[in-house]
Amino acid sequence: MIIKDNKIENALINLNNGNMIIYETDTLYGLGVDATNSEAILKINKLKKRAMPLSVMLKSINEIRKYASVSENEFKIIEKILPGPFTLLLKPKPSNLSNFVTHNSNKIGIRVPNNKFCLQLLSKFKKPIITTSVNVHGTQSLNNIDEIEEKFFNIDIYEGNVNNDSNGSTILDFMENKINIIRQGDGMFNL
């Protein structure tokens, strides 16, 4: 169902009840759940027909240090590009996140989107939220709200402004001594 009114309050109820939500970001529509709730994450894995590491959305750049190890130099770079259309692959720290977030990976994907809805929701929810594309593994990401509602009619969809021509977030891997661009998306980054 497409939700147009009281979106934040409605999304908070869904997240607190372990339900999936589909929401606007600064790139594509995202599919998310409470990143500390393993049962909820398993719902996403079942829906997407795959079990792989998932990225989390945080409300601020300062929260990154709570979930990942970041050097001072790396943090200066991060401050220049976030919030924005980037996913950062960083070394995870022990935290309250579900083990299904990293799924045995030595990296954690982190986003701080430049999107009012996401930042307000994260601020009120007070926990990270999973952020992944709206699709079944191996199929194209959906970004048209009518197509999303047709295929994922049993998940509440929070309509908003997305980039209809989005290529998703640019994925930057900070795990080597240099930053590697894993996927070129909407964010422009000069090495």
N, C-alpha and C. Protein backbone atom coordinates (compact mmCIF):
# COMPACT_ATOMS: atom_id res chain seq x y z
N MET A 1 0.84 -1.18 0.00
CA MET A 1 0.00 0.00 0.00
C MET A 1 0.89 1.25 0.00
N ILE A 2 0.53 2.23 -0.81
CA ILE A 2 1.29 3.48 -0.86
C ILE A 2 0.80 4.39 0.27
N ILE A 3 1.76 4.80 1.12
CA ILE A 3 1.46 5.68 2.26
C ILE A 3 1.87 7.09 1.89
N LYS A 4 0.91 8.04 1.98
CA LYS A 4 1.21 9.43 1.64
C LYS A 4 1.12 10.36 2.84
N ASP A 5 0.39 9.98 3.89
CA ASP A 5 0.21 10.82 5.07
C ASP A 5 0.82 10.15 6.31
N ASN A 6 1.26 10.97 7.25
CA ASN A 6 1.86 10.48 8.50
C ASN A 6 2.90 9.39 8.22
N LYS A 7 3.73 9.66 7.23
CA LYS A 7 4.68 8.64 6.75
C LYS A 7 5.67 8.21 7.84
N ILE A 8 6.23 9.18 8.56
CA ILE A 8 7.25 8.84 9.58
C ILE A 8 6.62 7.97 10.67
N GLU A 9 5.49 8.40 11.20
CA GLU A 9 4.84 7.66 12.29
C GLU A 9 4.46 6.25 11.85
N ASN A 10 3.94 6.13 10.63
CA ASN A 10 3.55 4.83 10.10
C ASN A 10 4.77 3.94 9.92
N ALA A 11 5.85 4.50 9.38
CA ALA A 11 7.07 3.72 9.16
C ALA A 11 7.67 3.26 10.49
N LEU A 12 7.60 4.10 11.51
CA LEU A 12 8.12 3.71 12.83
C LEU A 12 7.37 2.50 13.38
N ILE A 13 6.06 2.50 13.21
CA ILE A 13 5.25 1.35 13.68
C ILE A 13 5.69 0.09 12.94
N ASN A 14 5.83 0.18 11.62
CA ASN A 14 6.26 -1.00 10.85
C ASN A 14 7.64 -1.50 11.30
N LEU A 15 8.60 -0.59 11.43
CA LEU A 15 9.95 -0.99 11.83
C LEU A 15 9.96 -1.62 13.22
N ASN A 16 9.22 -1.01 14.14
CA ASN A 16 9.17 -1.55 15.52
C ASN A 16 8.48 -2.91 15.58
N ASN A 17 7.62 -3.19 14.60
CA ASN A 17 6.93 -4.49 14.55
C ASN A 17 7.67 -5.52 13.71
N GLY A 18 8.89 -5.19 13.26
CA GLY A 18 9.69 -6.13 12.49
C GLY A 18 9.26 -6.25 11.03
N ASN A 19 8.50 -5.28 10.54
CA ASN A 19 8.02 -5.32 9.16
C ASN A 19 9.00 -4.63 8.21
N MET A 20 8.92 -5.03 6.95
CA MET A 20 9.70 -4.37 5.90
C MET A 20 8.98 -3.10 5.47
N ILE A 21 9.78 -2.12 5.02
CA ILE A 21 9.23 -0.90 4.45
C ILE A 21 9.96 -0.61 3.13
N ILE A 22 9.28 0.11 2.25
CA ILE A 22 9.90 0.60 1.01
C ILE A 22 9.79 2.11 1.08
N TYR A 23 10.93 2.79 0.90
CA TYR A 23 10.98 4.22 1.18
C TYR A 23 11.86 4.96 0.18
N GLU A 24 11.61 6.26 0.06
CA GLU A 24 12.40 7.12 -0.80
C GLU A 24 13.80 7.29 -0.21
N THR A 25 14.81 7.44 -1.08
CA THR A 25 16.15 7.85 -0.65
C THR A 25 16.60 8.94 -1.62
N ASP A 26 17.86 9.33 -1.52
CA ASP A 26 18.39 10.33 -2.44
C ASP A 26 18.79 9.71 -3.77
N THR A 27 18.60 8.39 -3.91
CA THR A 27 18.88 7.71 -5.18
C THR A 27 17.61 6.97 -5.59
N LEU A 28 17.58 5.67 -5.36
CA LEU A 28 16.45 4.80 -5.69
C LEU A 28 15.54 4.63 -4.48
N TYR A 29 14.40 3.97 -4.70
CA TYR A 29 13.61 3.52 -3.55
C TYR A 29 14.41 2.45 -2.83
N GLY A 30 14.29 2.42 -1.50
CA GLY A 30 15.01 1.44 -0.69
C GLY A 30 14.05 0.49 -0.01
N LEU A 31 14.56 -0.70 0.29
CA LEU A 31 13.83 -1.71 1.05
C LEU A 31 14.55 -1.83 2.38
N GLY A 32 13.81 -1.73 3.46
CA GLY A 32 14.50 -1.73 4.75
C GLY A 32 13.73 -2.37 5.88
N VAL A 33 14.50 -2.66 6.93
CA VAL A 33 13.99 -3.15 8.21
C VAL A 33 14.94 -2.63 9.30
N ASP A 34 14.58 -2.89 10.53
CA ASP A 34 15.43 -2.61 11.69
C ASP A 34 16.71 -3.44 11.55
N ALA A 35 17.86 -2.79 11.51
CA ALA A 35 19.14 -3.48 11.30
C ALA A 35 19.60 -4.26 12.53
N THR A 36 18.89 -4.13 13.66
CA THR A 36 19.23 -4.91 14.85
C THR A 36 18.34 -6.15 14.99
N ASN A 37 17.37 -6.31 14.10
CA ASN A 37 16.37 -7.37 14.19
C ASN A 37 16.67 -8.48 13.17
N SER A 38 17.25 -9.58 13.65
CA SER A 38 17.65 -10.67 12.75
C SER A 38 16.46 -11.28 12.00
N GLU A 39 15.33 -11.45 12.68
CA GLU A 39 14.15 -12.04 12.02
C GLU A 39 13.68 -11.15 10.88
N ALA A 40 13.72 -9.84 11.09
CA ALA A 40 13.29 -8.90 10.04
C ALA A 40 14.25 -8.97 8.85
N ILE A 41 15.54 -9.07 9.12
CA ILE A 41 16.53 -9.15 8.04
C ILE A 41 16.34 -10.44 7.24
N LEU A 42 15.99 -11.52 7.92
CA LEU A 42 15.73 -12.78 7.21
C LEU A 42 14.54 -12.63 6.26
N LYS A 43 13.58 -11.78 6.59
CA LYS A 43 12.45 -11.52 5.68
C LYS A 43 12.96 -10.89 4.38
N ILE A 44 13.90 -9.95 4.51
CA ILE A 44 14.47 -9.32 3.30
C ILE A 44 15.22 -10.35 2.48
N ASN A 45 16.03 -11.18 3.14
CA ASN A 45 16.79 -12.21 2.42
C ASN A 45 15.85 -13.16 1.68
N LYS A 46 14.75 -13.51 2.32
CA LYS A 46 13.77 -14.41 1.68
C LYS A 46 13.11 -13.72 0.49
N LEU A 47 12.73 -12.46 0.65
CA LEU A 47 12.10 -11.71 -0.43
C LEU A 47 13.05 -11.55 -1.61
N LYS A 48 14.31 -11.24 -1.33
CA LYS A 48 15.28 -11.01 -2.40
C LYS A 48 15.86 -12.32 -2.95
N LYS A 49 15.53 -13.44 -2.29
CA LYS A 49 15.98 -14.78 -2.70
C LYS A 49 17.51 -14.88 -2.72
N ARG A 50 18.12 -14.30 -1.68
CA ARG A 50 19.55 -14.41 -1.53
C ARG A 50 19.93 -13.97 -0.12
N ALA A 51 21.06 -14.47 0.36
CA ALA A 51 21.59 -14.06 1.66
C ALA A 51 22.99 -13.52 1.44
N MET A 52 23.11 -12.21 1.52
CA MET A 52 24.40 -11.54 1.31
C MET A 52 24.50 -10.39 2.31
N PRO A 53 25.68 -9.80 2.44
CA PRO A 53 25.78 -8.63 3.32
C PRO A 53 24.84 -7.51 2.85
N LEU A 54 24.33 -6.76 3.81
CA LEU A 54 23.42 -5.66 3.53
C LEU A 54 23.98 -4.37 4.11
N SER A 55 23.66 -3.26 3.49
CA SER A 55 24.12 -1.96 4.00
C SER A 55 23.13 -1.42 5.02
N VAL A 56 23.65 -0.55 5.88
CA VAL A 56 22.80 0.13 6.86
C VAL A 56 22.83 1.62 6.59
N MET A 57 21.72 2.24 6.96
CA MET A 57 21.56 3.67 6.85
C MET A 57 21.69 4.27 8.24
N LEU A 58 22.49 5.31 8.37
CA LEU A 58 22.68 6.00 9.65
C LEU A 58 22.19 7.43 9.54
N LYS A 59 21.85 8.03 10.69
CA LYS A 59 21.28 9.38 10.68
C LYS A 59 22.31 10.48 10.55
N SER A 60 23.59 10.17 10.84
CA SER A 60 24.60 11.23 10.75
C SER A 60 25.98 10.63 10.50
N ILE A 61 26.87 11.47 10.02
CA ILE A 61 28.25 11.06 9.79
C ILE A 61 28.90 10.63 11.10
N ASN A 62 28.58 11.34 12.18
CA ASN A 62 29.20 11.03 13.48
C ASN A 62 28.87 9.64 13.98
N GLU A 63 27.75 9.08 13.55
CA GLU A 63 27.37 7.72 13.97
C GLU A 63 28.26 6.65 13.33
N ILE A 64 28.93 6.99 12.24
CA ILE A 64 29.74 5.99 11.53
C ILE A 64 30.77 5.36 12.46
N ARG A 65 31.40 6.16 13.31
CA ARG A 65 32.44 5.65 14.23
C ARG A 65 31.89 4.64 15.24
N LYS A 66 30.60 4.65 15.46
CA LYS A 66 29.98 3.69 16.38
C LYS A 66 29.95 2.29 15.76
N TYR A 67 29.88 2.23 14.43
CA TYR A 67 29.71 0.95 13.74
C TYR A 67 30.91 0.52 12.91
N ALA A 68 31.87 1.42 12.71
CA ALA A 68 33.02 1.09 11.84
C ALA A 68 34.28 1.79 12.34
N SER A 69 35.42 1.17 12.06
CA SER A 69 36.72 1.77 12.36
C SER A 69 37.11 2.68 11.20
N VAL A 70 37.36 3.93 11.54
CA VAL A 70 37.68 4.93 10.51
C VAL A 70 38.86 5.77 10.99
N SER A 71 39.86 5.94 10.14
CA SER A 71 41.00 6.80 10.49
C SER A 71 40.59 8.27 10.36
N GLU A 72 41.41 9.16 10.89
CA GLU A 72 41.13 10.59 10.78
C GLU A 72 41.11 11.04 9.32
N ASN A 73 42.06 10.55 8.52
CA ASN A 73 42.10 10.91 7.10
C ASN A 73 40.85 10.44 6.37
N GLU A 74 40.44 9.19 6.67
CA GLU A 74 39.23 8.65 6.04
C GLU A 74 38.01 9.49 6.44
N PHE A 75 37.96 9.86 7.72
CA PHE A 75 36.81 10.63 8.20
C PHE A 75 36.72 11.99 7.51
N LYS A 76 37.87 12.61 7.24
CA LYS A 76 37.87 13.90 6.52
C LYS A 76 37.29 13.74 5.12
N ILE A 77 37.61 12.63 4.46
CA ILE A 77 37.05 12.36 3.13
C ILE A 77 35.54 12.13 3.24
N ILE A 78 35.15 11.33 4.22
CA ILE A 78 33.74 11.01 4.43
C ILE A 78 32.92 12.28 4.67
N GLU A 79 33.47 13.22 5.44
CA GLU A 79 32.76 14.47 5.73
C GLU A 79 32.51 15.29 4.47
N LYS A 80 33.35 15.12 3.46
CA LYS A 80 33.19 15.87 2.22
C LYS A 80 32.11 15.29 1.31
N ILE A 81 31.82 13.99 1.45
CA ILE A 81 30.88 13.35 0.52
C ILE A 81 29.54 12.96 1.14
N LEU A 82 29.46 12.93 2.46
CA LEU A 82 28.21 12.56 3.11
C LEU A 82 27.65 13.74 3.88
N PRO A 83 26.32 13.83 4.02
CA PRO A 83 25.33 12.91 3.44
C PRO A 83 25.29 13.04 1.91
N GLY A 84 24.99 11.91 1.29
CA GLY A 84 24.94 11.90 -0.16
C GLY A 84 24.84 10.51 -0.73
N PRO A 85 24.89 10.38 -2.07
CA PRO A 85 24.62 9.11 -2.75
C PRO A 85 25.83 8.16 -2.79
N PHE A 86 26.34 7.85 -1.59
CA PHE A 86 27.49 6.94 -1.48
C PHE A 86 27.19 5.84 -0.47
N THR A 87 27.72 4.64 -0.75
CA THR A 87 27.77 3.56 0.22
C THR A 87 29.24 3.32 0.50
N LEU A 88 29.61 3.36 1.78
CA LEU A 88 31.00 3.17 2.17
C LEU A 88 31.20 1.77 2.73
N LEU A 89 32.21 1.07 2.24
CA LEU A 89 32.56 -0.24 2.79
C LEU A 89 33.71 -0.02 3.76
N LEU A 90 33.43 -0.32 5.03
CA LEU A 90 34.38 -0.05 6.12
C LEU A 90 34.57 -1.27 7.00
N LYS A 91 35.56 -1.21 7.88
CA LYS A 91 35.83 -2.32 8.82
C LYS A 91 34.82 -2.22 9.97
N PRO A 92 34.00 -3.26 10.15
CA PRO A 92 32.96 -3.17 11.19
C PRO A 92 33.52 -3.26 12.60
N LYS A 93 32.84 -2.59 13.52
CA LYS A 93 33.12 -2.70 14.95
C LYS A 93 32.04 -3.58 15.57
N PRO A 94 32.33 -4.22 16.69
CA PRO A 94 31.26 -4.94 17.39
C PRO A 94 30.15 -3.94 17.76
N SER A 95 28.90 -4.35 17.54
CA SER A 95 27.79 -3.44 17.81
C SER A 95 26.52 -4.25 18.06
N ASN A 96 25.40 -3.52 18.18
CA ASN A 96 24.10 -4.16 18.38
C ASN A 96 23.44 -4.58 17.07
N LEU A 97 24.14 -4.40 15.95
CA LEU A 97 23.57 -4.80 14.66
C LEU A 97 23.48 -6.32 14.58
N SER A 98 22.50 -6.81 13.86
CA SER A 98 22.37 -8.25 13.62
C SER A 98 23.59 -8.76 12.86
N ASN A 99 24.00 -9.99 13.14
CA ASN A 99 25.10 -10.61 12.39
C ASN A 99 24.75 -10.78 10.91
N PHE A 100 23.46 -10.75 10.59
CA PHE A 100 23.04 -10.89 9.19
C PHE A 100 23.36 -9.64 8.37
N VAL A 101 23.71 -8.53 9.02
CA VAL A 101 24.07 -7.32 8.29
C VAL A 101 25.36 -7.58 7.50
N THR A 102 26.40 -8.04 8.20
CA THR A 102 27.67 -8.28 7.52
C THR A 102 27.72 -9.67 6.89
N HIS A 103 26.91 -10.60 7.37
CA HIS A 103 26.81 -11.94 6.81
C HIS A 103 28.20 -12.55 6.54
N ASN A 104 29.01 -12.61 7.60
CA ASN A 104 30.37 -13.19 7.55
C ASN A 104 31.35 -12.41 6.69
N SER A 105 31.02 -11.20 6.31
CA SER A 105 31.95 -10.35 5.55
C SER A 105 32.84 -9.59 6.53
N ASN A 106 34.00 -9.19 6.06
CA ASN A 106 34.88 -8.37 6.90
C ASN A 106 34.64 -6.88 6.65
N LYS A 107 33.50 -6.57 6.01
CA LYS A 107 33.16 -5.18 5.69
C LYS A 107 31.72 -4.90 6.11
N ILE A 108 31.47 -3.62 6.39
CA ILE A 108 30.09 -3.18 6.61
C ILE A 108 29.81 -2.04 5.63
N GLY A 109 28.66 -2.11 4.98
CA GLY A 109 28.23 -1.05 4.07
C GLY A 109 27.43 -0.02 4.84
N ILE A 110 27.81 1.25 4.72
CA ILE A 110 27.15 2.33 5.46
C ILE A 110 26.75 3.45 4.51
N ARG A 111 25.50 3.93 4.70
CA ARG A 111 24.99 5.08 3.96
C ARG A 111 24.49 6.14 4.92
N VAL A 112 24.71 7.39 4.58
CA VAL A 112 24.04 8.52 5.23
C VAL A 112 23.44 9.32 4.09
N PRO A 113 22.19 9.01 3.73
CA PRO A 113 21.58 9.64 2.54
C PRO A 113 21.24 11.11 2.78
N ASN A 114 21.27 11.87 1.71
CA ASN A 114 20.86 13.26 1.75
C ASN A 114 19.38 13.31 1.39
N ASN A 115 18.56 12.86 2.34
CA ASN A 115 17.12 12.74 2.10
C ASN A 115 16.38 13.03 3.40
N LYS A 116 15.48 13.99 3.36
CA LYS A 116 14.77 14.45 4.55
C LYS A 116 13.98 13.32 5.22
N PHE A 117 13.25 12.54 4.43
CA PHE A 117 12.45 11.45 5.01
C PHE A 117 13.35 10.47 5.75
N CYS A 118 14.43 10.02 5.10
CA CYS A 118 15.33 9.04 5.72
C CYS A 118 15.93 9.59 7.01
N LEU A 119 16.41 10.82 6.98
CA LEU A 119 17.08 11.39 8.15
C LEU A 119 16.11 11.62 9.29
N GLN A 120 14.88 12.02 8.99
CA GLN A 120 13.86 12.19 10.05
C GLN A 120 13.50 10.83 10.64
N LEU A 121 13.32 9.83 9.78
CA LEU A 121 12.96 8.49 10.25
C LEU A 121 14.07 7.92 11.14
N LEU A 122 15.30 8.04 10.69
CA LEU A 122 16.43 7.53 11.47
C LEU A 122 16.57 8.25 12.80
N SER A 123 16.32 9.54 12.79
CA SER A 123 16.43 10.33 14.01
C SER A 123 15.39 9.90 15.05
N LYS A 124 14.19 9.58 14.58
CA LYS A 124 13.14 9.14 15.50
C LYS A 124 13.25 7.66 15.87
N PHE A 125 13.73 6.84 14.93
CA PHE A 125 13.83 5.39 15.18
C PHE A 125 14.99 5.08 16.12
N LYS A 126 16.06 5.87 16.05
CA LYS A 126 17.22 5.76 16.93
C LYS A 126 18.03 4.48 16.76
N LYS A 127 17.82 3.79 15.65
CA LYS A 127 18.62 2.59 15.31
C LYS A 127 18.89 2.61 13.81
N PRO A 128 19.98 1.97 13.37
CA PRO A 128 20.22 1.88 11.93
C PRO A 128 19.12 1.09 11.23
N ILE A 129 18.91 1.42 9.96
CA ILE A 129 17.91 0.75 9.13
C ILE A 129 18.62 0.14 7.93
N ILE A 130 18.25 -1.09 7.60
CA ILE A 130 18.80 -1.74 6.40
C ILE A 130 18.39 -0.91 5.18
N THR A 131 19.30 -0.80 4.22
CA THR A 131 18.97 -0.13 2.96
C THR A 131 19.49 -0.97 1.81
N THR A 132 18.57 -1.46 1.00
CA THR A 132 18.91 -2.28 -0.16
C THR A 132 17.92 -1.97 -1.27
N SER A 133 18.29 -2.30 -2.48
CA SER A 133 17.42 -1.99 -3.62
C SER A 133 16.15 -2.83 -3.58
N VAL A 134 15.11 -2.31 -4.22
CA VAL A 134 13.81 -2.99 -4.26
C VAL A 134 13.79 -3.90 -5.48
N ASN A 135 14.15 -5.15 -5.25
CA ASN A 135 14.15 -6.14 -6.34
C ASN A 135 14.41 -7.53 -5.76
N VAL A 136 14.16 -8.52 -6.59
CA VAL A 136 14.56 -9.90 -6.30
C VAL A 136 15.95 -10.05 -6.91
N HIS A 137 16.83 -10.77 -6.22
CA HIS A 137 18.21 -10.93 -6.68
C HIS A 137 18.25 -11.35 -8.16
N GLY A 138 19.09 -10.67 -8.92
CA GLY A 138 19.24 -11.00 -10.33
C GLY A 138 18.30 -10.24 -11.25
N THR A 139 17.38 -9.46 -10.67
CA THR A 139 16.48 -8.65 -11.50
C THR A 139 16.80 -7.17 -11.29
N GLN A 140 16.34 -6.35 -12.21
CA GLN A 140 16.63 -4.92 -12.14
C GLN A 140 15.94 -4.27 -10.94
N SER A 141 16.62 -3.29 -10.33
CA SER A 141 16.03 -2.54 -9.23
C SER A 141 14.82 -1.76 -9.73
N LEU A 142 13.76 -1.79 -8.94
CA LEU A 142 12.55 -1.06 -9.31
C LEU A 142 12.59 0.34 -8.71
N ASN A 143 12.19 1.33 -9.49
CA ASN A 143 12.18 2.70 -9.00
C ASN A 143 10.87 3.41 -9.33
N ASN A 144 9.95 2.72 -10.03
CA ASN A 144 8.65 3.27 -10.36
C ASN A 144 7.65 2.79 -9.30
N ILE A 145 7.04 3.73 -8.62
CA ILE A 145 6.20 3.37 -7.48
C ILE A 145 5.03 2.46 -7.86
N ASP A 146 4.48 2.61 -9.07
CA ASP A 146 3.37 1.75 -9.49
C ASP A 146 3.85 0.32 -9.71
N GLU A 147 5.02 0.17 -10.31
CA GLU A 147 5.60 -1.18 -10.49
C GLU A 147 5.93 -1.82 -9.14
N ILE A 148 6.47 -1.00 -8.24
CA ILE A 148 6.82 -1.51 -6.91
C ILE A 148 5.56 -2.00 -6.21
N GLU A 149 4.48 -1.21 -6.26
CA GLU A 149 3.24 -1.59 -5.58
C GLU A 149 2.66 -2.87 -6.20
N GLU A 150 2.79 -3.01 -7.49
CA GLU A 150 2.27 -4.19 -8.17
C GLU A 150 3.02 -5.46 -7.72
N LYS A 151 4.34 -5.37 -7.61
CA LYS A 151 5.14 -6.55 -7.26
C LYS A 151 5.27 -6.79 -5.77
N PHE A 152 5.24 -5.70 -4.97
CA PHE A 152 5.44 -5.82 -3.53
C PHE A 152 4.25 -5.22 -2.79
N PHE A 153 3.05 -5.65 -3.17
CA PHE A 153 1.80 -5.07 -2.67
C PHE A 153 1.58 -5.29 -1.18
N ASN A 154 2.30 -6.24 -0.57
CA ASN A 154 2.10 -6.53 0.85
C ASN A 154 3.06 -5.76 1.76
N ILE A 155 3.84 -4.81 1.18
CA ILE A 155 4.77 -4.00 1.96
C ILE A 155 4.36 -2.54 1.82
N ASP A 156 4.33 -1.82 2.95
CA ASP A 156 3.99 -0.40 2.89
C ASP A 156 5.08 0.37 2.16
N ILE A 157 4.66 1.24 1.25
CA ILE A 157 5.56 2.03 0.42
C ILE A 157 5.36 3.50 0.79
N TYR A 158 6.47 4.17 1.14
CA TYR A 158 6.42 5.58 1.52
C TYR A 158 6.85 6.42 0.33
N GLU A 159 5.83 6.96 -0.34
CA GLU A 159 6.06 7.69 -1.58
C GLU A 159 6.85 8.96 -1.32
N GLY A 160 7.74 9.27 -2.25
CA GLY A 160 8.51 10.49 -2.12
C GLY A 160 9.27 10.79 -3.39
N ASN A 161 10.18 11.72 -3.28
CA ASN A 161 10.98 12.13 -4.44
C ASN A 161 12.23 11.28 -4.53
N VAL A 162 12.36 10.54 -5.61
CA VAL A 162 13.57 9.78 -5.89
C VAL A 162 14.10 10.24 -7.23
N ASN A 163 15.33 9.86 -7.51
CA ASN A 163 15.94 10.19 -8.80
C ASN A 163 15.51 9.11 -9.79
N ASN A 164 14.59 9.43 -10.69
CA ASN A 164 14.08 8.43 -11.63
C ASN A 164 15.14 7.85 -12.55
N ASP A 165 16.21 8.59 -12.75
CA ASP A 165 17.31 8.11 -13.60
C ASP A 165 18.49 7.62 -12.78
N SER A 166 18.26 7.29 -11.53
CA SER A 166 19.35 6.91 -10.63
C SER A 166 20.02 5.60 -11.02
N ASN A 167 21.32 5.57 -10.82
CA ASN A 167 22.10 4.33 -10.95
C ASN A 167 22.45 3.77 -9.58
N GLY A 168 21.75 4.23 -8.55
CA GLY A 168 22.03 3.79 -7.19
C GLY A 168 23.19 4.59 -6.60
N SER A 169 23.60 4.19 -5.42
CA SER A 169 24.71 4.90 -4.77
C SER A 169 26.04 4.42 -5.33
N THR A 170 27.02 5.29 -5.28
CA THR A 170 28.39 4.92 -5.64
C THR A 170 28.97 4.17 -4.44
N ILE A 171 29.54 3.00 -4.69
CA ILE A 171 30.10 2.19 -3.60
C ILE A 171 31.61 2.40 -3.55
N LEU A 172 32.08 2.88 -2.38
CA LEU A 172 33.49 3.13 -2.17
C LEU A 172 34.03 2.17 -1.10
N ASP A 173 35.09 1.44 -1.43
CA ASP A 173 35.70 0.49 -0.51
C ASP A 173 36.91 1.15 0.15
N PHE A 174 36.83 1.34 1.46
CA PHE A 174 37.89 1.97 2.23
C PHE A 174 38.82 0.94 2.87
N MET A 175 38.69 -0.33 2.53
CA MET A 175 39.40 -1.39 3.25
C MET A 175 40.87 -1.56 2.85
N GLU A 176 41.25 -1.04 1.71
CA GLU A 176 42.67 -1.12 1.30
C GLU A 176 43.35 0.16 1.78
N ASN A 177 44.61 0.33 1.43
CA ASN A 177 45.29 1.58 1.77
C ASN A 177 44.83 2.73 0.90
N LYS A 178 44.07 2.41 -0.15
CA LYS A 178 43.50 3.45 -0.99
C LYS A 178 42.00 3.17 -1.13
N ILE A 179 41.27 4.16 -1.60
CA ILE A 179 39.82 4.01 -1.76
C ILE A 179 39.56 3.47 -3.16
N ASN A 180 38.82 2.37 -3.24
CA ASN A 180 38.46 1.78 -4.53
C ASN A 180 36.99 2.02 -4.83
N ILE A 181 36.70 2.41 -6.06
CA ILE A 181 35.31 2.55 -6.49
C ILE A 181 34.84 1.17 -6.96
N ILE A 182 33.92 0.58 -6.21
CA ILE A 182 33.39 -0.75 -6.52
C ILE A 182 32.27 -0.66 -7.55
N ARG A 183 31.43 0.39 -7.39
CA ARG A 183 30.36 0.61 -8.37
C ARG A 183 30.17 2.11 -8.52
N GLN A 184 30.16 2.55 -9.76
CA GLN A 184 29.90 3.96 -10.03
C GLN A 184 28.39 4.18 -10.09
N GLY A 185 27.90 4.95 -9.15
CA GLY A 185 26.48 5.28 -9.13
C GLY A 185 26.31 6.77 -9.29
N ASP A 186 25.38 7.34 -8.51
CA ASP A 186 25.06 8.75 -8.65
C ASP A 186 26.13 9.68 -8.05
N GLY A 187 26.86 9.20 -7.07
CA GLY A 187 27.87 10.04 -6.42
C GLY A 187 29.15 10.11 -7.23
N MET A 188 29.64 11.35 -7.43
CA MET A 188 30.89 11.55 -8.14
C MET A 188 32.03 11.65 -7.14
N PHE A 189 33.05 10.81 -7.33
CA PHE A 189 34.18 10.79 -6.40
C PHE A 189 35.47 10.77 -7.20
N ASN A 190 36.34 11.71 -6.90
CA ASN A 190 37.64 11.76 -7.57
C ASN A 190 38.70 11.15 -6.66
N LEU A 191 39.36 10.12 -7.16
CA LEU A 191 40.41 9.46 -6.37
C LEU A 191 41.62 10.36 -6.21
